C-alpha atoms as a PDB file:
ATOM      1  CA  UNK A   1       6.458  -7.862   8.374  1.00  0.00           C
ATOM      2  CA  UNK A   2       3.779  -5.444   7.615  1.00  0.00           C
ATOM      3  CA  UNK A   3       2.203  -4.980   3.998  1.00  0.00           C
ATOM      4  CA  UNK A   4       3.885  -1.571   3.751  1.00  0.00           C
ATOM      5  CA  UNK A   5       7.460  -3.090   4.526  1.00  0.00           C
ATOM      6  CA  UNK A   6       9.579  -4.328   1.595  1.00  0.00           C
ATOM      7  CA  UNK A   7      12.864  -6.040   1.190  1.00  0.00           C
ATOM      8  CA  UNK A   8      15.736  -6.254  -1.306  1.00  0.00           C
ATOM      9  CA  UNK A   9      18.203  -9.082  -1.918  1.00  0.00           C
ATOM     10  CA  UNK A  10      21.564  -8.952  -0.309  1.00  0.00           C
ATOM     11  CA  UNK A  11      24.305 -11.140  -1.768  1.00  0.00           C
ATOM     12  CA  UNK A  12      26.090 -12.689   1.231  1.00  0.00           C
ATOM     13  CA  UNK A  13      29.569 -12.417  -0.473  1.00  0.00           C
ATOM     14  CA  UNK A  14      29.216  -8.666  -1.043  1.00  0.00           C
ATOM     15  CA  UNK A  15      31.702  -7.779   1.665  1.00  0.00           C
ATOM     16  CA  UNK A  16      34.447  -9.256  -0.665  1.00  0.00           C
ATOM     17  CA  UNK A  17      33.587  -6.911  -3.585  1.00  0.00           C
ATOM     18  CA  UNK A  18      36.644  -4.919  -4.413  1.00  0.00           C
ATOM     19  CA  UNK A  19      34.701  -1.683  -4.236  1.00  0.00           C
ATOM     20  CA  UNK A  20      33.453  -2.258  -0.797  1.00  0.00           C
ATOM     21  CA  UNK A  21      36.971  -3.470   0.384  1.00  0.00           C
ATOM     22  CA  UNK A  22      38.194  -0.083  -0.570  1.00  0.00           C
ATOM     23  CA  UNK A  23      35.328   1.617   1.294  1.00  0.00           C
ATOM     24  CA  UNK A  24      36.242  -0.426   4.317  1.00  0.00           C
ATOM     25  CA  UNK A  25      39.855   0.691   3.799  1.00  0.00           C
ATOM     26  CA  UNK A  26      39.142   4.299   3.547  1.00  0.00           C
ATOM     27  CA  UNK A  27      35.938   4.834   5.640  1.00  0.00           C
ATOM     28  CA  UNK A  28      36.039   1.912   7.998  1.00  0.00           C
ATOM     29  CA  UNK A  29      32.905  -0.221   9.025  1.00  0.00           C
ATOM     30  CA  UNK A  30      30.973   2.875   9.656  1.00  0.00           C
ATOM     31  CA  UNK A  31      31.344   3.986   5.936  1.00  0.00           C
ATOM     32  CA  UNK A  32      30.223   0.552   4.774  1.00  0.00           C
ATOM     33  CA  UNK A  33      27.196   0.902   7.017  1.00  0.00           C
ATOM     34  CA  UNK A  34      26.363   4.310   5.611  1.00  0.00           C
ATOM     35  CA  UNK A  35      26.518   2.789   2.135  1.00  0.00           C
ATOM     36  CA  UNK A  36      23.952   0.117   3.077  1.00  0.00           C
ATOM     37  CA  UNK A  37      21.736   2.840   4.508  1.00  0.00           C
ATOM     38  CA  UNK A  38      21.916   4.795   1.255  1.00  0.00           C
ATOM     39  CA  UNK A  39      20.860   1.556  -0.738  1.00  0.00           C
ATOM     40  CA  UNK A  40      17.859   1.284   1.483  1.00  0.00           C
ATOM     41  CA  UNK A  41      16.897   4.980   0.888  1.00  0.00           C
ATOM     42  CA  UNK A  42      17.133   4.485  -2.843  1.00  0.00           C
ATOM     43  CA  UNK A  43      14.776   1.590  -2.678  1.00  0.00           C
ATOM     44  CA  UNK A  44      12.381   3.682  -0.647  1.00  0.00           C
ATOM     45  CA  UNK A  45      12.567   6.612  -2.961  1.00  0.00           C
ATOM     46  CA  UNK A  46      12.076   4.586  -6.242  1.00  0.00           C
ATOM     47  CA  UNK A  47      15.793   4.438  -7.185  1.00  0.00           C
ATOM     48  CA  UNK A  48      16.914   7.939  -7.181  1.00  0.00           C
ATOM     49  CA  UNK A  49      18.171  10.413  -4.573  1.00  0.00           C
ATOM     50  CA  UNK A  50      18.959  14.153  -4.912  1.00  0.00           C
ATOM     51  CA  UNK A  51      22.606  15.227  -4.654  1.00  0.00           C
ATOM     52  CA  UNK A  52      21.456  18.475  -3.330  1.00  0.00           C
ATOM     53  CA  UNK A  53      20.087  16.772  -0.129  1.00  0.00           C
ATOM     54  CA  UNK A  54      23.315  15.115   0.851  1.00  0.00           C
ATOM     55  CA  UNK A  55      23.376  17.132   4.061  1.00  0.00           C
ATOM     56  CA  UNK A  56      19.994  15.868   4.929  1.00  0.00           C
ATOM     57  CA  UNK A  57      20.975  12.314   4.408  1.00  0.00           C
ATOM     58  CA  UNK A  58      24.127  12.872   6.603  1.00  0.00           C
ATOM     59  CA  UNK A  59      21.851  14.150   9.391  1.00  0.00           C
ATOM     60  CA  UNK A  60      19.368  11.323   9.039  1.00  0.00           C
ATOM     61  CA  UNK A  61      22.253   8.704   9.076  1.00  0.00           C
ATOM     62  CA  UNK A  62      24.208  10.404  11.922  1.00  0.00           C
ATOM     63  CA  UNK A  63      27.246  10.929   9.797  1.00  0.00           C
ATOM     64  CA  UNK A  64      29.103  13.795   8.073  1.00  0.00           C
ATOM     65  CA  UNK A  65      28.299  15.061   4.611  1.00  0.00           C
ATOM     66  CA  UNK A  66      31.900  14.289   3.458  1.00  0.00           C
ATOM     67  CA  UNK A  67      31.269  10.629   3.881  1.00  0.00           C
ATOM     68  CA  UNK A  68      28.200  10.681   1.878  1.00  0.00           C
ATOM     69  CA  UNK A  69      29.908  12.568  -1.162  1.00  0.00           C
ATOM     70  CA  UNK A  70      32.881  10.244  -0.969  1.00  0.00           C
ATOM     71  CA  UNK A  71      30.645   7.148  -1.177  1.00  0.00           C
ATOM     72  CA  UNK A  72      28.860   8.700  -4.110  1.00  0.00           C
ATOM     73  CA  UNK A  73      31.899   9.854  -6.164  1.00  0.00           C
ATOM     74  CA  UNK A  74      35.079   7.899  -5.041  1.00  0.00           C
ATOM     75  CA  UNK A  75      34.315   4.157  -5.243  1.00  0.00           C
ATOM     76  CA  UNK A  76      32.336   3.514  -8.409  1.00  0.00           C
ATOM     77  CA  UNK A  77      29.261   2.362  -6.258  1.00  0.00           C
ATOM     78  CA  UNK A  78      26.910   4.926  -7.752  1.00  0.00           C
ATOM     79  CA  UNK A  79      26.085   6.911 -11.020  1.00  0.00           C
ATOM     80  CA  UNK A  80      24.930  10.534 -11.113  1.00  0.00           C
ATOM     81  CA  UNK A  81      23.949  13.105 -13.552  1.00  0.00           C
ATOM     82  CA  UNK A  82      24.871  16.154 -11.581  1.00  0.00           C
ATOM     83  CA  UNK A  83      21.276  16.328 -10.064  1.00  0.00           C
ATOM     84  CA  UNK A  84      20.386  12.963  -9.011  1.00  0.00           C
ATOM     85  CA  UNK A  85      22.422   9.784  -8.063  1.00  0.00           C
ATOM     86  CA  UNK A  86      21.545   6.092  -8.248  1.00  0.00           C
ATOM     87  CA  UNK A  87      22.664   2.507  -8.367  1.00  0.00           C
ATOM     88  CA  UNK A  88      22.306   0.492 -11.547  1.00  0.00           C
ATOM     89  CA  UNK A  89      21.743  -2.728  -9.626  1.00  0.00           C
ATOM     90  CA  UNK A  90      18.850  -1.250  -7.479  1.00  0.00           C
ATOM     91  CA  UNK A  91      17.299   0.006 -10.659  1.00  0.00           C
ATOM     92  CA  UNK A  92      17.534  -3.455 -12.148  1.00  0.00           C
ATOM     93  CA  UNK A  93      15.873  -5.089  -9.178  1.00  0.00           C
ATOM     94  CA  UNK A  94      13.207  -2.465  -8.875  1.00  0.00           C
ATOM     95  CA  UNK A  95      12.304  -3.277 -12.547  1.00  0.00           C
ATOM     96  CA  UNK A  96      11.897  -6.969 -11.648  1.00  0.00           C
ATOM     97  CA  UNK A  97       9.851  -6.154  -8.521  1.00  0.00           C
ATOM     98  CA  UNK A  98       7.545  -3.868 -10.745  1.00  0.00           C
ATOM     99  CA  UNK A  99       7.028  -6.966 -13.040  1.00  0.00           C
ATOM    100  CA  UNK A 100       6.028  -9.087 -10.141  1.00  0.00           C
ATOM    101  CA  UNK A 101       3.685  -6.308  -8.951  1.00  0.00           C
ATOM    102  CA  UNK A 102       1.877  -6.271 -12.222  1.00  0.00           C
ATOM    103  CA  UNK A 103       1.341 -10.067 -12.079  1.00  0.00           C
ATOM    104  CA  UNK A 104       0.062  -9.765  -8.540  1.00  0.00           C
ATOM    105  CA  UNK A 105      -2.442  -7.096  -9.712  1.00  0.00           C
ATOM    106  CA  UNK A 106      -3.737  -9.124 -12.525  1.00  0.00           C
ATOM    107  CA  UNK A 107      -4.098 -12.086 -10.169  1.00  0.00           C
ATOM    108  CA  UNK A 108      -6.029 -10.038  -7.666  1.00  0.00           C
ATOM    109  CA  UNK A 109      -8.500  -8.886 -10.233  1.00  0.00           C
ATOM    110  CA  UNK A 110      -8.992 -12.302 -11.666  1.00  0.00           C
ATOM    111  CA  UNK A 111      -9.492 -13.600  -8.079  1.00  0.00           C
ATOM    112  CA  UNK A 112     -12.179 -10.901  -7.580  1.00  0.00           C
ATOM    113  CA  UNK A 113     -14.230 -11.687 -10.602  1.00  0.00           C
ATOM    114  CA  UNK A 114     -13.931 -15.433  -9.991  1.00  0.00           C
ATOM    115  CA  UNK A 115     -15.106 -15.182  -6.498  1.00  0.00           C
ATOM    116  CA  UNK A 116     -18.104 -13.117  -7.447  1.00  0.00           C
ATOM    117  CA  UNK A 117     -19.008 -15.442 -10.260  1.00  0.00           C
ATOM    118  CA  UNK A 118     -18.837 -18.414  -7.732  1.00  0.00           C
ATOM    119  CA  UNK A 119     -20.861 -16.606  -5.054  1.00  0.00           C
ATOM    120  CA  UNK A 120     -23.700 -15.968  -7.678  1.00  0.00           C
ATOM    121  CA  UNK A 121     -23.656 -19.699  -8.717  1.00  0.00           C
ATOM    122  CA  UNK A 122     -23.756 -20.822  -5.105  1.00  0.00           C
ATOM    123  CA  UNK A 123     -26.700 -18.604  -4.362  1.00  0.00           C
ATOM    124  CA  UNK A 124     -28.761 -20.066  -7.378  1.00  0.00           C
ATOM    125  CA  UNK A 125     -27.933 -23.576  -6.305  1.00  0.00           C
ATOM    126  CA  UNK A 126     -29.014 -22.914  -2.814  1.00  0.00           C
ATOM    127  CA  UNK A 127     -32.304 -21.419  -4.061  1.00  0.00           C
ATOM    128  CA  UNK A 128     -33.044 -24.532  -6.179  1.00  0.00           C
ATOM    129  CA  UNK A 129     -32.339 -26.904  -3.440  1.00  0.00           C
ATOM    130  CA  UNK A 130     -34.221 -25.001  -0.872  1.00  0.00           C
ATOM    131  CA  UNK A 131     -37.564 -25.865  -2.752  1.00  0.00           C
ATOM    132  CA  UNK A 132     -36.967 -29.564  -2.118  1.00  0.00           C
ATOM    133  CA  UNK A 133     -35.339 -29.528   1.241  1.00  0.00           C
ATOM    134  CA  UNK A 134     -34.665 -26.264   2.989  1.00  0.00           C
ATOM    135  CA  UNK A 135     -32.522 -27.485   5.999  1.00  0.00           C
ATOM    136  CA  UNK A 136     -30.230 -29.471   3.576  1.00  0.00           C
ATOM    137  CA  UNK A 137     -30.013 -26.571   1.092  1.00  0.00           C
ATOM    138  CA  UNK A 138     -28.853 -24.197   3.942  1.00  0.00           C
ATOM    139  CA  UNK A 139     -26.221 -26.584   5.149  1.00  0.00           C
ATOM    140  CA  UNK A 140     -24.900 -27.210   1.687  1.00  0.00           C
ATOM    141  CA  UNK A 141     -24.700 -23.565   0.949  1.00  0.00           C
ATOM    142  CA  UNK A 142     -22.815 -22.819   4.106  1.00  0.00           C
ATOM    143  CA  UNK A 143     -20.323 -25.575   3.207  1.00  0.00           C
ATOM    144  CA  UNK A 144     -19.728 -24.187  -0.360  1.00  0.00           C
ATOM    145  CA  UNK A 145     -19.245 -20.677   1.136  1.00  0.00           C
ATOM    146  CA  UNK A 146     -16.716 -21.887   3.722  1.00  0.00           C
ATOM    147  CA  UNK A 147     -14.778 -23.725   1.062  1.00  0.00           C
ATOM    148  CA  UNK A 148     -14.717 -20.768  -1.163  1.00  0.00           C
ATOM    149  CA  UNK A 149     -13.701 -18.469   1.570  1.00  0.00           C
ATOM    150  CA  UNK A 150     -10.687 -20.837   2.548  1.00  0.00           C
ATOM    151  CA  UNK A 151      -9.602 -21.126  -1.075  1.00  0.00           C
ATOM    152  CA  UNK A 152      -9.585 -17.419  -1.471  1.00  0.00           C
ATOM    153  CA  UNK A 153      -7.500 -16.827   1.699  1.00  0.00           C
ATOM    154  CA  UNK A 154      -5.055 -19.499   0.591  1.00  0.00           C
ATOM    155  CA  UNK A 155      -4.565 -17.787  -2.832  1.00  0.00           C
ATOM    156  CA  UNK A 156      -4.245 -14.517  -1.112  1.00  0.00           C
ATOM    157  CA  UNK A 157      -1.301 -15.719   1.063  1.00  0.00           C
ATOM    158  CA  UNK A 158       0.261 -17.170  -1.920  1.00  0.00           C
ATOM    159  CA  UNK A 159       0.073 -14.146  -4.226  1.00  0.00           C
ATOM    160  CA  UNK A 160       0.849 -11.460  -1.505  1.00  0.00           C
ATOM    161  CA  UNK A 161       4.250 -13.017  -0.591  1.00  0.00           C
ATOM    162  CA  UNK A 162       5.803 -10.905  -3.177  1.00  0.00           C
ATOM    163  CA  UNK A 163       6.121  -7.146  -2.959  1.00  0.00           C
ATOM    164  CA  UNK A 164       2.810  -5.641  -4.281  1.00  0.00           C
ATOM    165  CA  UNK A 165       3.748  -2.079  -5.267  1.00  0.00           C
ATOM    166  CA  UNK A 166       0.991  -1.780  -8.015  1.00  0.00           C
ATOM    167  CA  UNK A 167       1.066   1.719  -9.618  1.00  0.00           C
ATOM    168  CA  UNK A 168       2.510   3.203  -6.580  1.00  0.00           C
ATOM    169  CA  UNK A 169       5.885   2.664  -8.274  1.00  0.00           C
ATOM    170  CA  UNK A 170       5.054   4.943 -11.123  1.00  0.00           C
ATOM    171  CA  UNK A 171       7.278   8.040 -10.960  1.00  0.00           C
ATOM    172  CA  UNK A 172       4.345  10.420 -11.432  1.00  0.00           C
ATOM    173  CA  UNK A 173       2.832   9.397  -8.127  1.00  0.00           C
ATOM    174  CA  UNK A 174       3.736  11.221  -4.941  1.00  0.00           C
ATOM    175  CA  UNK A 175       6.460   9.647  -2.788  1.00  0.00           C
ATOM    176  CA  UNK A 176       7.183   9.843   0.923  1.00  0.00           C
ATOM    177  CA  UNK A 177      10.331  11.205   2.449  1.00  0.00           C
ATOM    178  CA  UNK A 178      13.009   9.112   4.054  1.00  0.00           C
ATOM    179  CA  UNK A 179      10.851   8.536   7.054  1.00  0.00           C
ATOM    180  CA  UNK A 180       7.799   7.394   5.168  1.00  0.00           C
ATOM    181  CA  UNK A 181       5.858  10.746   5.592  1.00  0.00           C
ATOM    182  CA  UNK A 182       3.758  12.178   2.784  1.00  0.00           C
ATOM    183  CA  UNK A 183       3.413  16.000   2.415  1.00  0.00           C
ATOM    184  CA  UNK A 184      -0.407  16.132   2.149  1.00  0.00           C
ATOM    185  CA  UNK A 185      -3.656  14.205   2.371  1.00  0.00           C
ATOM    186  CA  UNK A 186      -4.149  14.823  -1.232  1.00  0.00           C
ATOM    187  CA  UNK A 187      -0.964  12.769  -1.999  1.00  0.00           C
ATOM    188  CA  UNK A 188      -2.035   9.871   0.249  1.00  0.00           C
ATOM    189  CA  UNK A 189      -5.428   9.791  -1.608  1.00  0.00           C
ATOM    190  CA  UNK A 190      -3.649   9.651  -4.932  1.00  0.00           C
ATOM    191  CA  UNK A 191      -1.608   6.665  -3.564  1.00  0.00           C
ATOM    192  CA  UNK A 192      -4.506   4.718  -2.210  1.00  0.00           C
ATOM    193  CA  UNK A 193      -6.405   5.223  -5.350  1.00  0.00           C
ATOM    194  CA  UNK A 194      -3.389   3.710  -7.323  1.00  0.00           C
ATOM    195  CA  UNK A 195      -3.185   0.484  -5.274  1.00  0.00           C
ATOM    196  CA  UNK A 196      -5.276  -1.940  -7.253  1.00  0.00           C
ATOM    197  CA  UNK A 197      -4.542  -5.060  -5.278  1.00  0.00           C
ATOM    198  CA  UNK A 198      -4.892  -3.346  -1.968  1.00  0.00           C
ATOM    199  CA  UNK A 199      -8.321  -2.125  -3.239  1.00  0.00           C
ATOM    200  CA  UNK A 200      -9.199  -5.713  -4.173  1.00  0.00           C
ATOM    201  CA  UNK A 201      -8.434  -6.961  -0.648  1.00  0.00           C
ATOM    202  CA  UNK A 202     -10.069  -3.840   0.819  1.00  0.00           C
ATOM    203  CA  UNK A 203     -13.250  -4.504  -0.990  1.00  0.00           C
ATOM    204  CA  UNK A 204     -13.415  -8.115  -0.209  1.00  0.00           C
ATOM    205  CA  UNK A 205     -12.875  -7.743   3.392  1.00  0.00           C
ATOM    206  CA  UNK A 206     -15.685  -5.264   3.680  1.00  0.00           C
ATOM    207  CA  UNK A 207     -18.155  -7.378   1.455  1.00  0.00           C
ATOM    208  CA  UNK A 208     -18.212  -4.622  -1.274  1.00  0.00           C
ATOM    209  CA  UNK A 209     -19.656  -6.541  -4.353  1.00  0.00           C
ATOM    210  CA  UNK A 210     -19.009  -3.760  -6.840  1.00  0.00           C
ATOM    211  CA  UNK A 211     -15.279  -3.331  -7.379  1.00  0.00           C
ATOM    212  CA  UNK A 212     -16.050   0.285  -8.763  1.00  0.00           C
ATOM    213  CA  UNK A 213     -17.421   1.318  -5.454  1.00  0.00           C
ATOM    214  CA  UNK A 214     -14.070   0.858  -3.697  1.00  0.00           C
ATOM    215  CA  UNK A 215     -12.341   4.051  -5.133  1.00  0.00           C
ATOM    216  CA  UNK A 216     -15.543   6.018  -4.456  1.00  0.00           C
ATOM    217  CA  UNK A 217     -15.490   4.940  -0.655  1.00  0.00           C
ATOM    218  CA  UNK A 218     -11.835   5.921  -0.693  1.00  0.00           C
ATOM    219  CA  UNK A 219     -12.673   9.406  -2.190  1.00  0.00           C
ATOM    220  CA  UNK A 220     -15.538   9.788   0.349  1.00  0.00           C
ATOM    221  CA  UNK A 221     -13.129   9.035   3.205  1.00  0.00           C
ATOM    222  CA  UNK A 222     -10.769  11.643   2.241  1.00  0.00           C
ATOM    223  CA  UNK A 223     -13.568  14.205   1.767  1.00  0.00           C
ATOM    224  CA  UNK A 224     -14.626  13.238   5.225  1.00  0.00           C
ATOM    225  CA  UNK A 225     -11.145  13.889   6.653  1.00  0.00           C
ATOM    226  CA  UNK A 226     -10.963  17.201   4.848  1.00  0.00           C
ATOM    227  CA  UNK A 227     -14.184  18.349   6.255  1.00  0.00           C
ATOM    228  CA  UNK A 228     -13.511  17.153   9.802  1.00  0.00           C
ATOM    229  CA  UNK A 229      -9.937  18.320   9.985  1.00  0.00           C
ATOM    230  CA  UNK A 230      -8.517  14.711  10.306  1.00  0.00           C
ATOM    231  CA  UNK A 231      -5.065  14.341   8.815  1.00  0.00           C
ATOM    232  CA  UNK A 232      -2.479  11.379   8.422  1.00  0.00           C
ATOM    233  CA  UNK A 233       1.125  11.442   7.348  1.00  0.00           C
ATOM    234  CA  UNK A 234       1.765   7.772   6.591  1.00  0.00           C
ATOM    235  CA  UNK A 235       0.321   5.356   4.149  1.00  0.00           C
ATOM    236  CA  UNK A 236      -0.437   2.647   6.564  1.00  0.00           C
ATOM    237  CA  UNK A 237      -2.254   4.991   8.922  1.00  0.00           C
ATOM    238  CA  UNK A 238      -4.478   6.302   6.131  1.00  0.00           C
ATOM    239  CA  UNK A 239      -5.318   2.726   4.987  1.00  0.00           C
ATOM    240  CA  UNK A 240      -6.213   1.634   8.515  1.00  0.00           C
ATOM    241  CA  UNK A 241      -8.469   4.712   9.116  1.00  0.00           C
ATOM    242  CA  UNK A 242     -10.145   4.402   5.611  1.00  0.00           C
ATOM    243  CA  UNK A 243     -11.028   0.653   6.301  1.00  0.00           C
ATOM    244  CA  UNK A 244     -12.478   1.346   9.760  1.00  0.00           C
ATOM    245  CA  UNK A 245     -14.371   4.488   8.564  1.00  0.00           C
ATOM    246  CA  UNK A 246     -15.909   2.682   5.448  1.00  0.00           C
ATOM    247  CA  UNK A 247     -16.835  -0.440   7.570  1.00  0.00           C
ATOM    248  CA  UNK A 248     -18.759   1.848   9.908  1.00  0.00           C
ATOM    249  CA  UNK A 249     -20.500   3.621   6.935  1.00  0.00           C
ATOM    250  CA  UNK A 250     -21.576   0.266   5.647  1.00  0.00           C
ATOM    251  CA  UNK A 251     -22.881  -0.936   9.088  1.00  0.00           C
ATOM    252  CA  UNK A 252     -25.050   2.256   9.173  1.00  0.00           C
ATOM    253  CA  UNK A 253     -26.534   1.245   5.682  1.00  0.00           C
ATOM    254  CA  UNK A 254     -24.680   3.853   3.669  1.00  0.00           C
ATOM    255  CA  UNK A 255     -23.448   3.535   0.242  1.00  0.00           C
ATOM    256  CA  UNK A 256     -20.842   5.646  -1.638  1.00  0.00           C
ATOM    257  CA  UNK A 257     -23.577   7.544  -3.634  1.00  0.00           C
ATOM    258  CA  UNK A 258     -26.005   8.356  -0.737  1.00  0.00           C
ATOM    259  CA  UNK A 259     -23.461   9.267   1.869  1.00  0.00           C
ATOM    260  CA  UNK A 260     -23.248  13.069   2.455  1.00  0.00           C
ATOM    261  CA  UNK A 261     -20.060  14.494   4.106  1.00  0.00           C
ATOM    262  CA  UNK A 262     -20.708  17.390   6.377  1.00  0.00           C
ATOM    263  CA  UNK A 263     -17.997  19.651   7.804  1.00  0.00           C
ATOM    264  CA  UNK A 264     -17.353  18.928  11.462  1.00  0.00           C
ATOM    265  CA  UNK A 265     -18.099  21.979  13.649  1.00  0.00           C
ATOM    266  CA  UNK A 266     -16.769  20.504  16.871  1.00  0.00           C
ATOM    267  CA  UNK A 267     -13.522  18.871  15.659  1.00  0.00           C
ATOM    268  CA  UNK A 268     -14.539  15.289  16.619  1.00  0.00           C
ATOM    269  CA  UNK A 269     -14.215  12.355  14.439  1.00  0.00           C
ATOM    270  CA  UNK A 270     -17.771  12.082  13.355  1.00  0.00           C
ATOM    271  CA  UNK A 271     -19.845  12.615  10.214  1.00  0.00           C
ATOM    272  CA  UNK A 272     -23.386  14.219  10.536  1.00  0.00           C
ATOM    273  CA  UNK A 273     -25.961  12.812   8.031  1.00  0.00           C
ATOM    274  CA  UNK A 274     -27.908  15.504   6.258  1.00  0.00           C
ATOM    275  CA  UNK A 275     -30.652  13.766   4.331  1.00  0.00           C
ATOM    276  CA  UNK A 276     -32.067  11.172   6.684  1.00  0.00           C
ATOM    277  CA  UNK A 277     -32.804  13.332   9.670  1.00  0.00           C
ATOM    278  CA  UNK A 278     -30.914  10.822  11.946  1.00  0.00           C
ATOM    279  CA  UNK A 279     -29.480  12.228  15.209  1.00  0.00           C
ATOM    280  CA  UNK A 280     -26.827   9.612  15.651  1.00  0.00           C
ATOM    281  CA  UNK A 281     -23.183  10.283  14.721  1.00  0.00           C
ATOM    282  CA  UNK A 282     -21.171   8.293  12.264  1.00  0.00           C
ATOM    283  CA  UNK A 283     -17.945   7.403  13.748  1.00  0.00           C
ATOM    284  CA  UNK A 284     -14.745   7.916  11.474  1.00  0.00           C
END
């Protein structure tokens, strides 16, 4: 399952719920399937869907609008205020997931700070030992670095088993449509800049020592995309391209302050450096 995929708990006895039994009687198995599709869409959209878009939901789920409206109004499965509809159980479970997300974010920040502190301590120890026995000092330093790397990877696997929504669950942030598509690159930039735990993972994987440089690199990436005409619709695609682009800039010796984004004149995925006089392109 990808990092962008989430899940919700499903009680295995839910088919015996009196409300769903009535759905089965009135709308058949197809109606019950549409109900669970609506539940999935509520999770994707932060817990709320618009009543005015029922025709769109019907088209997306390959059913008719009457089936959608009956599920919303006739069986006590959803609440609505005349504008939006929701499920109280979905909202409750989203609140629990947000709480887990906050804990995961705090854990990621602690991990980052601890890893940086341990790395500095290891470097000092290695320098001290080198004055006595350089070969042994190098061997010990590598051993400490490998152990630290393995420990961080183990903690990473444990902490990211839960859904890490971070600040992306905030209602003021842009949200994708039912197909996971965002309306603009500006919306995607806001979402990536809000994902604290992803930024921590991003920075460590690229060897970025200063956490404050990570959002700078992200902003530089979106400036590059704007200038070169590159565009993405899905969060996973933008994250993947941002990671590859930033890695290439670091390999070329760039940093977020010195990199100058130039507007591409030929539409290719490259960035032309202005200040250093280099003739080699920077691949996006």
